[in-house]
Structures are given as C-alpha cells and as structure tokens.
C-alpha cells in the first residue's frame, strides 16, 4: 500500500505537500516501531523459556549451597563433583567461594530459610584454614565461643561438613573441618550428614586416597541427603557421638573392631524422623 502511495503524484501547494509527507513518514515510523516491539517481546519470551532450570524437581523443598574454601583448587574441585552428583539426582545446588560469601548476612538467611549448606574445607600443616576461608572461620569461631551470643543463632540451618586433610599432620588432621562441624552444632544448626574426613595420605586413608574417601562418604550419604533436600527431618551424629547399634561410620574404637557400631560417627539412616515439610 505504501508503495502505491509513493507512486501517486501529489498536487497542491508546497505546504500541503509537506504536511502530507509528514503524515506518511509518521505512519512508516509507527509501523517500523511496532514491528521492532513485537520482535523484542518474542525474543524476551524465548529467553525466558530457555532460562528455565532443566533440573527443576518439585520434590526439592530446600535450597542447597555448597560453600568451599580452597588454596590449591581441591576444595573447588570436590564442590563441583558434589554439585554434579546432586544435579544428576534431579535437584539444584549452587557452588560458592567462601571468599566472596557475605557470611554475616547470608548465613543467617540460610538458617531462616532452612537451607542446606555443605561446607567443603581444607586444613593445612598448622591446623589453619585456607586464606580464602579465614574470615568465615574466624567469624564462626567467635560467634560460637562468645557467651553473649545466643546458641540458637543458626537454628533452622541444615548443614554438613566435608574435610580435606592429611593424616601426616597428626593432631591437626582435618582440624578445621572438625571445628566447623562442632561450632555449627553449638549454634543449633542441624547436622544432616556425618562429617567427611577425607585423607590425602594413602597409607592411612580408609579408601586409599582423598577422592576415594570423598566418593565413599558421598555414596553412603546420598539417601539422607535426598531426604533432607526433599524437606524431611534428618539428623546425624557427629565425631564425638557414640551409638548402641550398627552404623555406617567405620570408626575404630579402643579395644573394639572397626565399624562394629559401638563408637564413632553414626549414619542417620536408622534414626531419621518423619517427614518435616518446609513451608
């Protein structure tokens, strides 16, 4: 139609011609603008569809945050492995470097929302955390040991700790992971999995290597991790606990056999409570 309009000779005064051409130009501009707007809306809709999580699972009631502290990259590597495993089960998990995590604000929010925080942390020769996790480590220690701070500060938080250490360090073996596990428990956070104390020393490592220890722990923890993600009540005992019935800890006690269930860390398989749906 516009092509035919342009072919029609326009007679009359120059002023009328100018007005007519102005109207025509305005109509063309409106048509072009409308077409661009429609294309923009279509593009936004396509992006929205493409950005929807592919691993979304309606059973996931709790968010999962994997927080790591690493100096050589091992902590990040194991965090990614853990994330991949959780994703393969149909859930979502976010990996976060502790050096960029606002723990003073965000950690309280995690507790308020009953989120799951899995901390992957290394220990060095002097029993200290990686530099990237130093601020978080110091803050957590201060909060847990300050008598002025209520011990229910982190009530609602669901947590687990993965320690990456070397038994050649003696009494400092996975010291950071053990302390963090204890401090979180002291602040009323709920331990959903027994601590993983992976050992880089293949001679003493139960499964002959750091990654092997981690993979064995993860495999034995999957059932309870799924329960926790889906909002069920799961509580595990820590390093200091003892149990009267068989458990999956494989921890040697004095004068006893390894994994006989009379001492050490216990799996929560046998004492998981009923469903505790997160609202």
Protein backbone atom coordinates (compact mmCIF):
# COMPACT_ATOMS: atom_id res chain seq x y z
CA UNK A 1 0.00 0.00 0.00
CA UNK A 2 2.81 2.37 0.89
CA UNK A 3 4.48 1.67 -2.44
CA UNK A 4 1.30 2.72 -4.30
CA UNK A 5 1.01 5.84 -2.17
CA UNK A 6 4.51 6.91 -3.12
CA UNK A 7 3.68 6.43 -6.82
CA UNK A 8 0.70 8.86 -6.73
CA UNK A 9 1.71 12.38 -7.80
CA UNK A 10 0.82 14.97 -5.21
CA UNK A 11 -0.74 18.20 -6.47
CA UNK A 12 -1.27 21.33 -4.46
CA UNK A 13 0.70 23.87 -2.54
CA UNK A 14 4.16 23.02 -1.16
CA UNK A 15 2.81 23.49 2.36
CA UNK A 16 0.10 20.84 1.86
CA UNK A 17 2.65 18.53 0.32
CA UNK A 18 4.92 18.92 3.35
CA UNK A 19 2.06 18.11 5.75
CA UNK A 20 1.08 15.04 3.77
CA UNK A 21 4.64 13.72 3.62
CA UNK A 22 4.98 14.31 7.36
CA UNK A 23 1.89 12.17 7.98
CA UNK A 24 3.21 9.45 5.70
CA UNK A 25 6.62 9.47 7.39
CA UNK A 26 4.97 9.26 10.82
CA UNK A 27 2.92 6.27 9.73
CA UNK A 28 6.00 4.48 8.45
CA UNK A 29 7.88 5.18 11.70
CA UNK A 30 4.97 3.82 13.78
CA UNK A 31 4.78 0.65 11.68
CA UNK A 32 8.52 0.03 12.00
CA UNK A 33 8.46 0.73 15.76
CA UNK A 34 5.55 -1.67 16.28
CA UNK A 35 7.33 -4.43 14.36
CA UNK A 36 10.52 -3.97 16.41
CA UNK A 37 8.50 -4.07 19.64
CA UNK A 38 6.86 -7.35 18.64
CA UNK A 39 10.25 -8.83 17.83
CA UNK A 40 11.61 -7.68 21.20
CA UNK A 41 8.70 -9.24 23.11
CA UNK A 42 9.13 -12.50 21.21
CA UNK A 43 12.86 -12.53 21.98
CA UNK A 44 12.22 -11.94 25.70
CA UNK A 45 9.73 -14.80 25.79
CA UNK A 46 12.19 -17.13 24.07
CA UNK A 47 14.93 -16.18 26.55
CA UNK A 48 12.57 -16.75 29.45
CA UNK A 49 11.77 -20.26 28.25
CA UNK A 50 15.43 -21.05 27.59
CA UNK A 51 16.48 -19.86 31.04
CA UNK A 52 14.13 -22.14 32.95
CA UNK A 53 16.10 -24.68 35.02
CA UNK A 54 16.21 -28.05 33.32
CA UNK A 55 16.92 -29.91 36.56
CA UNK A 56 13.99 -28.49 38.50
CA UNK A 57 12.36 -31.05 40.78
CA UNK A 58 9.06 -30.38 42.50
CA UNK A 59 10.26 -32.52 45.40
CA UNK A 60 13.08 -30.11 46.23
CA UNK A 61 11.95 -28.25 49.35
CA UNK A 62 15.31 -26.89 50.49
CA UNK A 63 17.93 -24.95 48.59
CA UNK A 64 21.44 -26.42 48.57
CA UNK A 65 24.51 -24.19 48.88
CA UNK A 66 27.99 -25.71 48.63
CA UNK A 67 30.47 -23.34 50.27
CA UNK A 68 34.16 -24.05 49.77
CA UNK A 69 37.48 -22.74 50.99
CA UNK A 70 40.45 -23.66 48.83
CA UNK A 71 44.06 -22.69 48.32
CA UNK A 72 45.15 -25.12 45.64
CA UNK A 73 41.77 -25.65 43.95
CA UNK A 74 40.94 -29.01 45.54
CA UNK A 75 38.07 -27.60 47.56
CA UNK A 76 36.50 -26.13 44.45
CA UNK A 77 37.03 -29.37 42.54
CA UNK A 78 35.28 -31.50 45.15
CA UNK A 79 32.49 -28.94 45.41
CA UNK A 80 31.88 -29.26 41.68
CA UNK A 81 31.82 -33.05 41.96
CA UNK A 82 29.25 -32.78 44.73
CA UNK A 83 27.18 -30.35 42.69
CA UNK A 84 27.25 -32.67 39.68
CA UNK A 85 26.06 -35.59 41.81
CA UNK A 86 23.18 -33.58 43.26
CA UNK A 87 22.22 -32.33 39.80
CA UNK A 88 22.26 -35.88 38.42
CA UNK A 89 19.62 -36.75 41.02
CA UNK A 90 17.36 -34.04 39.62
CA UNK A 91 17.98 -31.33 42.23
CA UNK A 92 19.72 -27.97 42.09
CA UNK A 93 22.81 -26.87 44.01
CA UNK A 94 24.87 -23.68 43.98
CA UNK A 95 28.65 -23.62 44.47
CA UNK A 96 30.02 -20.54 46.27
CA UNK A 97 33.57 -19.47 47.13
CA UNK A 98 33.74 -18.52 50.80
CA UNK A 99 35.97 -15.58 49.91
CA UNK A 100 33.01 -13.93 48.15
CA UNK A 101 30.31 -15.06 50.59
CA UNK A 102 28.80 -12.45 52.91
CA UNK A 103 28.57 -14.82 55.88
CA UNK A 104 27.47 -12.23 58.43
CA UNK A 105 24.30 -11.54 56.46
CA UNK A 106 23.71 -14.55 54.22
CA UNK A 107 24.41 -17.32 56.74
CA UNK A 108 21.59 -16.09 58.96
CA UNK A 109 19.30 -16.02 55.92
CA UNK A 110 20.23 -19.63 55.16
CA UNK A 111 19.12 -20.55 58.69
CA UNK A 112 15.89 -18.56 58.43
CA UNK A 113 15.01 -20.35 55.18
CA UNK A 114 16.10 -23.78 56.46
CA UNK A 115 18.55 -24.13 53.58
CA UNK A 116 21.21 -26.82 53.32
CA UNK A 117 24.82 -25.62 53.49
CA UNK A 118 27.57 -28.13 52.76
CA UNK A 119 30.99 -26.75 53.65
CA UNK A 120 34.00 -28.17 51.80
CA UNK A 121 37.16 -27.12 53.62
CA UNK A 122 40.87 -27.98 53.72
CA UNK A 123 43.27 -27.98 56.67
CA UNK A 124 46.93 -27.05 56.41
CA UNK A 125 50.00 -28.17 58.38
CA UNK A 126 49.44 -25.78 61.28
CA UNK A 127 45.75 -26.61 61.57
CA UNK A 128 44.62 -23.45 59.80
CA UNK A 129 42.02 -22.95 57.05
CA UNK A 130 42.80 -21.74 53.51
CA UNK A 131 43.26 -17.99 53.20
CA UNK A 132 40.00 -17.68 51.26
CA UNK A 133 38.05 -19.09 54.22
CA UNK A 134 39.93 -17.32 57.04
CA UNK A 135 37.29 -14.64 57.63
CA UNK A 136 34.44 -17.17 57.71
CA UNK A 137 36.41 -19.47 60.02
CA UNK A 138 37.24 -16.65 62.45
CA UNK A 139 33.68 -15.30 62.42
CA UNK A 140 32.14 -18.71 63.09
CA UNK A 141 34.60 -19.37 65.93
CA UNK A 142 33.88 -16.00 67.56
CA UNK A 143 30.11 -16.43 67.32
CA UNK A 144 30.21 -19.98 68.71
CA UNK A 145 32.52 -19.13 71.62
CA UNK A 146 31.06 -15.74 72.57
CA UNK A 147 28.92 -16.21 75.69
CA UNK A 148 26.90 -13.11 74.76
CA UNK A 149 25.62 -14.76 71.57
CA UNK A 150 22.55 -16.95 71.89
CA UNK A 151 23.28 -20.56 71.00
CA UNK A 152 20.16 -20.80 68.85
CA UNK A 153 21.58 -18.30 66.36
CA UNK A 154 21.67 -20.79 63.47
CA UNK A 155 18.63 -22.86 64.40
CA UNK A 156 16.96 -23.98 61.19
CA UNK A 157 20.16 -24.28 59.17
CA UNK A 158 20.78 -27.75 57.73
CA UNK A 159 24.49 -28.49 57.34
CA UNK A 160 27.22 -30.98 56.53
CA UNK A 161 31.00 -30.62 56.50
CA UNK A 162 33.48 -32.15 54.08
CA UNK A 163 37.05 -32.09 55.34
CA UNK A 164 40.07 -32.42 53.04
CA UNK A 165 43.16 -33.21 55.07
CA UNK A 166 46.29 -35.28 55.53
CA UNK A 167 46.84 -37.58 58.49
CA UNK A 168 50.57 -36.80 58.31
CA UNK A 169 49.61 -33.56 60.09
CA UNK A 170 48.94 -35.58 63.25
CA UNK A 171 46.53 -33.91 65.64
CA UNK A 172 45.82 -31.24 63.02
CA UNK A 173 44.33 -33.79 60.63
CA UNK A 174 41.13 -32.16 59.30
CA UNK A 175 41.17 -29.90 62.36
CA UNK A 176 39.34 -27.08 60.55
CA UNK A 177 36.51 -29.34 59.37
CA UNK A 178 36.08 -30.85 62.84
CA UNK A 179 35.97 -27.43 64.50
CA UNK A 180 33.48 -26.03 61.99
CA UNK A 181 31.25 -29.06 62.46
CA UNK A 182 31.35 -28.56 66.22
CA UNK A 183 30.75 -24.78 66.08
CA UNK A 184 27.76 -25.14 63.76
CA UNK A 185 26.27 -27.76 66.05
CA UNK A 186 26.88 -25.49 69.06
CA UNK A 187 24.87 -22.74 67.33
CA UNK A 188 21.90 -25.15 66.96
CA UNK A 189 22.34 -25.85 63.24
CA UNK A 190 21.11 -29.33 62.32
CA UNK A 191 23.76 -31.78 61.11
CA UNK A 192 22.21 -33.80 58.28
CA UNK A 193 25.27 -35.91 57.39
CA UNK A 194 28.21 -37.25 59.35
CA UNK A 195 31.40 -35.27 58.63
CA UNK A 196 33.54 -36.45 55.75
CA UNK A 197 37.17 -36.56 56.89
CA UNK A 198 38.99 -37.41 53.67
CA UNK A 199 42.68 -38.30 53.94
CA UNK A 200 45.30 -37.48 51.32
CA UNK A 201 47.76 -39.89 52.94
CA UNK A 202 47.11 -43.12 51.01
CA UNK A 203 48.78 -45.21 53.73
CA UNK A 204 46.22 -44.24 56.39
CA UNK A 205 43.32 -43.36 54.13
CA UNK A 206 40.47 -45.81 54.62
CA UNK A 207 39.77 -45.94 50.88
CA UNK A 208 43.34 -45.27 49.74
CA UNK A 209 43.05 -41.65 48.68
CA UNK A 210 41.44 -38.25 49.16
CA UNK A 211 38.96 -38.61 46.30
CA UNK A 212 38.23 -42.23 47.16
CA UNK A 213 37.36 -41.26 50.74
CA UNK A 214 35.13 -38.47 49.48
CA UNK A 215 33.33 -40.69 46.97
CA UNK A 216 32.73 -43.40 49.57
CA UNK A 217 31.30 -40.84 52.00
CA UNK A 218 29.09 -39.33 49.30
CA UNK A 219 27.74 -42.70 48.23
CA UNK A 220 26.85 -43.62 51.81
CA UNK A 221 25.26 -40.19 52.38
CA UNK A 222 23.04 -39.94 49.29
CA UNK A 223 19.90 -41.38 50.87
CA UNK A 224 19.88 -38.93 53.75
CA UNK A 225 20.94 -36.03 51.52
CA UNK A 226 17.93 -36.69 49.28
CA UNK A 227 15.67 -36.88 52.34
CA UNK A 228 16.97 -33.54 53.60
CA UNK A 229 16.63 -31.84 50.20
CA UNK A 230 13.04 -33.03 49.98
CA UNK A 231 12.26 -31.44 53.33
CA UNK A 232 12.35 -34.46 55.59
CA UNK A 233 13.82 -34.38 59.07
CA UNK A 234 17.31 -35.88 59.03
CA UNK A 235 19.77 -35.64 61.90
CA UNK A 236 23.20 -37.28 62.03
CA UNK A 237 25.58 -37.70 64.92
CA UNK A 238 29.00 -36.07 64.88
CA UNK A 239 32.55 -37.18 65.55
CA UNK A 240 32.12 -37.07 69.32
CA UNK A 241 28.96 -39.21 69.41
CA UNK A 242 28.56 -42.87 70.25
CA UNK A 243 25.79 -45.24 69.31
CA UNK A 244 24.45 -48.51 70.62
CA UNK A 245 23.51 -50.09 67.29
CA UNK A 246 25.32 -50.69 64.00
CA UNK A 247 26.02 -47.59 61.95
CA UNK A 248 27.91 -46.77 58.81
CA UNK A 249 30.81 -44.87 60.33
CA UNK A 250 33.67 -47.37 60.08
CA UNK A 251 35.40 -45.66 63.01
CA UNK A 252 37.72 -47.71 65.16
CA UNK A 253 37.18 -47.64 68.93
CA UNK A 254 39.58 -48.57 71.70
CA UNK A 255 39.61 -52.30 72.21
CA UNK A 256 36.95 -52.85 69.54
CA UNK A 257 36.64 -53.77 65.93
CA UNK A 258 36.30 -51.30 63.13
CA UNK A 259 32.72 -50.45 62.23
CA UNK A 260 31.16 -52.60 64.98
CA UNK A 261 28.70 -49.83 65.82
CA UNK A 262 29.74 -49.27 69.44
CA UNK A 263 31.57 -45.99 68.94
CA UNK A 264 32.23 -43.26 66.47
CA UNK A 265 30.22 -41.39 63.85
CA UNK A 266 26.81 -42.79 63.01
CA UNK A 267 24.79 -42.73 59.86
CA UNK A 268 21.35 -41.25 60.36
CA UNK A 269 19.67 -43.96 58.26
CA UNK A 270 18.32 -45.68 61.33
CA UNK A 271 17.07 -42.63 63.20
CA UNK A 272 15.58 -40.38 60.53
CA UNK A 273 12.31 -38.87 61.71
CA UNK A 274 9.04 -38.46 59.85
CA UNK A 275 8.58 -36.00 57.03
CA UNK A 276 9.14 -32.43 58.15
CA UNK A 277 7.95 -30.38 55.20
CA UNK A 278 9.47 -26.93 54.81
CA UNK A 279 6.79 -24.29 54.40
